[in-house]
C-alpha cells in the first residue's frame, strides 16, 4: 500500500483543494444544465485536480494513479472509479461520480489525519 504523507493532508491543504473543486463543480453543473458541450473540458480539469492531490498526498513520484497500486488516500474502489470517469468525462454520470470521489476523499483525509496524530 502506498501510504499518505501527513504533511500533505493537512486540513488547510484539503480545504483549498475542495475550494478549487467547488469552483470547477459549479462550472461543470452549469455546463451540463446548459448542454453547451463544455463539460468535458472542465471535467478534465477536475480529474487533473483530483489526481494531482492524490499523488501529492501519497508517498510516490508518479504522474498518474496506477490501477495496479493501492493508495491509502483513495476511497474504496477509487482507482477503478477514476478510470471509469477518465473514459467518458463528458457524461453527467461521470461528473456525479467525480463529485462523490471528492466528498469521500475529504472524509478519508480527516480520518487519516486523526489516525496519523
C-alpha atoms as a PDB file:
ATOM      1  CA  UNK A   1       0.000   0.000   0.000  1.00  0.00           C
ATOM      2  CA  UNK A   2       1.186   3.495  -0.856  1.00  0.00           C
ATOM      3  CA  UNK A   3       0.807   5.491   2.354  1.00  0.00           C
ATOM      4  CA  UNK A   4      -0.158   9.139   2.793  1.00  0.00           C
ATOM      5  CA  UNK A   5       2.276  11.853   3.734  1.00  0.00           C
ATOM      6  CA  UNK A   6       0.912  13.517   6.864  1.00  0.00           C
ATOM      7  CA  UNK A   7       2.088  16.995   5.874  1.00  0.00           C
ATOM      8  CA  UNK A   8       0.253  16.732   2.541  1.00  0.00           C
ATOM      9  CA  UNK A   9      -3.173  16.058   4.056  1.00  0.00           C
ATOM     10  CA  UNK A  10      -3.448  18.979   6.473  1.00  0.00           C
ATOM     11  CA  UNK A  11      -6.899  20.490   6.890  1.00  0.00           C
ATOM     12  CA  UNK A  12      -5.759  23.697   5.189  1.00  0.00           C
ATOM     13  CA  UNK A  13      -4.480  21.866   2.115  1.00  0.00           C
ATOM     14  CA  UNK A  14      -7.590  19.697   1.856  1.00  0.00           C
ATOM     15  CA  UNK A  15      -9.847  22.748   2.277  1.00  0.00           C
ATOM     16  CA  UNK A  16      -8.024  24.617  -0.516  1.00  0.00           C
ATOM     17  CA  UNK A  17      -8.266  21.550  -2.762  1.00  0.00           C
ATOM     18  CA  UNK A  18     -12.007  21.347  -2.115  1.00  0.00           C
ATOM     19  CA  UNK A  19     -12.461  25.080  -2.718  1.00  0.00           C
ATOM     20  CA  UNK A  20     -10.791  24.649  -6.117  1.00  0.00           C
ATOM     21  CA  UNK A  21     -13.118  21.720  -6.834  1.00  0.00           C
ATOM     22  CA  UNK A  22     -16.223  23.710  -5.827  1.00  0.00           C
ATOM     23  CA  UNK A  23     -15.414  26.304  -8.491  1.00  0.00           C
ATOM     24  CA  UNK A  24     -14.996  23.607 -11.143  1.00  0.00           C
ATOM     25  CA  UNK A  25     -18.034  21.687  -9.885  1.00  0.00           C
ATOM     26  CA  UNK A  26     -20.268  24.732 -10.320  1.00  0.00           C
ATOM     27  CA  UNK A  27     -18.936  25.273 -13.860  1.00  0.00           C
ATOM     28  CA  UNK A  28     -19.488  21.614 -14.771  1.00  0.00           C
ATOM     29  CA  UNK A  29     -23.007  21.688 -13.356  1.00  0.00           C
ATOM     30  CA  UNK A  30     -23.860  24.834 -15.343  1.00  0.00           C
ATOM     31  CA  UNK A  31     -22.391  23.309 -18.483  1.00  0.00           C
ATOM     32  CA  UNK A  32     -24.442  20.132 -18.135  1.00  0.00           C
ATOM     33  CA  UNK A  33     -27.586  22.157 -17.422  1.00  0.00           C
ATOM     34  CA  UNK A  34     -26.986  24.342 -20.486  1.00  0.00           C
ATOM     35  CA  UNK A  35     -25.848  21.369 -22.605  1.00  0.00           C
ATOM     36  CA  UNK A  36     -23.208  23.607 -24.123  1.00  0.00           C
ATOM     37  CA  UNK A  37     -20.600  20.879 -24.689  1.00  0.00           C
ATOM     38  CA  UNK A  38     -18.002  22.468 -22.409  1.00  0.00           C
ATOM     39  CA  UNK A  39     -18.416  19.981 -19.549  1.00  0.00           C
ATOM     40  CA  UNK A  40     -15.838  17.545 -20.911  1.00  0.00           C
ATOM     41  CA  UNK A  41     -13.010  20.106 -20.862  1.00  0.00           C
ATOM     42  CA  UNK A  42     -13.923  21.354 -17.396  1.00  0.00           C
ATOM     43  CA  UNK A  43     -14.217  17.761 -16.175  1.00  0.00           C
ATOM     44  CA  UNK A  44     -10.677  17.124 -17.379  1.00  0.00           C
ATOM     45  CA  UNK A  45      -9.512  19.952 -15.121  1.00  0.00           C
ATOM     46  CA  UNK A  46     -11.406  18.339 -12.241  1.00  0.00           C
ATOM     47  CA  UNK A  47      -9.864  14.939 -12.961  1.00  0.00           C
ATOM     48  CA  UNK A  48      -6.404  16.514 -13.048  1.00  0.00           C
ATOM     49  CA  UNK A  49      -7.091  18.328  -9.762  1.00  0.00           C
ATOM     50  CA  UNK A  50      -8.189  15.089  -8.104  1.00  0.00           C
ATOM     51  CA  UNK A  51      -5.324  13.004  -9.417  1.00  0.00           C
ATOM     52  CA  UNK A  52      -2.715  15.654  -8.569  1.00  0.00           C
ATOM     53  CA  UNK A  53      -3.958  15.839  -4.988  1.00  0.00           C
ATOM     54  CA  UNK A  54      -3.852  12.057  -4.521  1.00  0.00           C
ATOM     55  CA  UNK A  55      -0.335  11.880  -5.958  1.00  0.00           C
ATOM     56  CA  UNK A  56       0.917  14.775  -3.802  1.00  0.00           C
ATOM     57  CA  UNK A  57      -0.729  13.234  -0.732  1.00  0.00           C
ATOM     58  CA  UNK A  58       0.879   9.863  -1.429  1.00  0.00           C
ATOM     59  CA  UNK A  59       4.470   8.836  -0.934  1.00  0.00           C
ATOM     60  CA  UNK A  60       5.206   8.492  -4.689  1.00  0.00           C
ATOM     61  CA  UNK A  61       6.759  10.361  -7.590  1.00  0.00           C
ATOM     62  CA  UNK A  62       4.484   9.128 -10.396  1.00  0.00           C
ATOM     63  CA  UNK A  63       2.494  11.465 -12.623  1.00  0.00           C
ATOM     64  CA  UNK A  64      -0.728   9.455 -12.645  1.00  0.00           C
ATOM     65  CA  UNK A  65      -2.536   6.987 -10.428  1.00  0.00           C
ATOM     66  CA  UNK A  66      -1.705   3.384 -11.247  1.00  0.00           C
ATOM     67  CA  UNK A  67      -4.655   0.995 -11.226  1.00  0.00           C
ATOM     68  CA  UNK A  68      -2.432  -1.833 -10.009  1.00  0.00           C
ATOM     69  CA  UNK A  69      -1.389   0.033  -6.832  1.00  0.00           C
ATOM     70  CA  UNK A  70      -3.344   0.513  -3.620  1.00  0.00           C
ATOM     71  CA  UNK A  71      -3.343   4.072  -2.277  1.00  0.00           C
ATOM     72  CA  UNK A  72      -4.133   4.887   1.331  1.00  0.00           C
ATOM     73  CA  UNK A  73      -5.549   8.235   0.169  1.00  0.00           C
ATOM     74  CA  UNK A  74      -8.112   6.729  -2.213  1.00  0.00           C
ATOM     75  CA  UNK A  75     -11.599   5.708  -1.097  1.00  0.00           C
ATOM     76  CA  UNK A  76     -12.871   2.181  -1.744  1.00  0.00           C
ATOM     77  CA  UNK A  77     -12.604   1.338  -5.459  1.00  0.00           C
ATOM     78  CA  UNK A  78     -11.215   4.835  -6.016  1.00  0.00           C
ATOM     79  CA  UNK A  79      -8.751   3.896  -8.763  1.00  0.00           C
ATOM     80  CA  UNK A  80     -11.380   1.917 -10.688  1.00  0.00           C
ATOM     81  CA  UNK A  81     -13.904   4.718 -10.338  1.00  0.00           C
ATOM     82  CA  UNK A  82     -11.351   7.254 -11.549  1.00  0.00           C
ATOM     83  CA  UNK A  83     -10.648   5.075 -14.603  1.00  0.00           C
ATOM     84  CA  UNK A  84     -14.400   4.987 -15.340  1.00  0.00           C
ATOM     85  CA  UNK A  85     -14.539   8.792 -15.118  1.00  0.00           C
ATOM     86  CA  UNK A  86     -11.485   9.227 -17.357  1.00  0.00           C
ATOM     87  CA  UNK A  87     -13.006   7.053 -20.095  1.00  0.00           C
ATOM     88  CA  UNK A  88     -16.044   9.315 -20.553  1.00  0.00           C
ATOM     89  CA  UNK A  89     -15.503  12.651 -18.830  1.00  0.00           C
ATOM     90  CA  UNK A  90     -18.301  14.368 -20.739  1.00  0.00           C
ATOM     91  CA  UNK A  91     -21.050  12.217 -19.247  1.00  0.00           C
ATOM     92  CA  UNK A  92     -23.187  13.512 -16.403  1.00  0.00           C
ATOM     93  CA  UNK A  93     -22.794  10.200 -14.531  1.00  0.00           C
ATOM     94  CA  UNK A  94     -19.022  10.701 -14.533  1.00  0.00           C
ATOM     95  CA  UNK A  95     -19.427  14.204 -13.136  1.00  0.00           C
ATOM     96  CA  UNK A  96     -21.553  12.814 -10.287  1.00  0.00           C
ATOM     97  CA  UNK A  97     -19.016  10.056  -9.667  1.00  0.00           C
ATOM     98  CA  UNK A  98     -16.122  12.546  -9.540  1.00  0.00           C
ATOM     99  CA  UNK A  99     -18.069  14.727  -7.113  1.00  0.00           C
ATOM    100  CA  UNK A 100     -18.597  11.684  -4.876  1.00  0.00           C
ATOM    101  CA  UNK A 101     -14.886  10.865  -5.032  1.00  0.00           C
ATOM    102  CA  UNK A 102     -14.051  14.368  -3.811  1.00  0.00           C
ATOM    103  CA  UNK A 103     -16.557  14.055  -0.942  1.00  0.00           C
ATOM    104  CA  UNK A 104     -15.357  10.597   0.086  1.00  0.00           C
ATOM    105  CA  UNK A 105     -11.699  11.604  -0.160  1.00  0.00           C
ATOM    106  CA  UNK A 106     -12.322  14.632   2.071  1.00  0.00           C
ATOM    107  CA  UNK A 107     -13.752  12.313   4.730  1.00  0.00           C
ATOM    108  CA  UNK A 108     -10.897   9.865   4.278  1.00  0.00           C
ATOM    109  CA  UNK A 109      -8.311  12.627   4.738  1.00  0.00           C
ATOM    110  CA  UNK A 110      -9.963  13.649   8.020  1.00  0.00           C
ATOM    111  CA  UNK A 111      -9.814  10.048   9.268  1.00  0.00           C
ATOM    112  CA  UNK A 112      -6.189   9.687   8.184  1.00  0.00           C
ATOM    113  CA  UNK A 113      -5.218  12.928   9.939  1.00  0.00           C
ATOM    114  CA  UNK A 114      -6.707  11.608  13.174  1.00  0.00           C
ATOM    115  CA  UNK A 115      -5.013   8.248  12.704  1.00  0.00           C
ATOM    116  CA  UNK A 116      -1.603   9.778  11.971  1.00  0.00           C
ATOM    117  CA  UNK A 117      -1.635  12.077  15.035  1.00  0.00           C
END
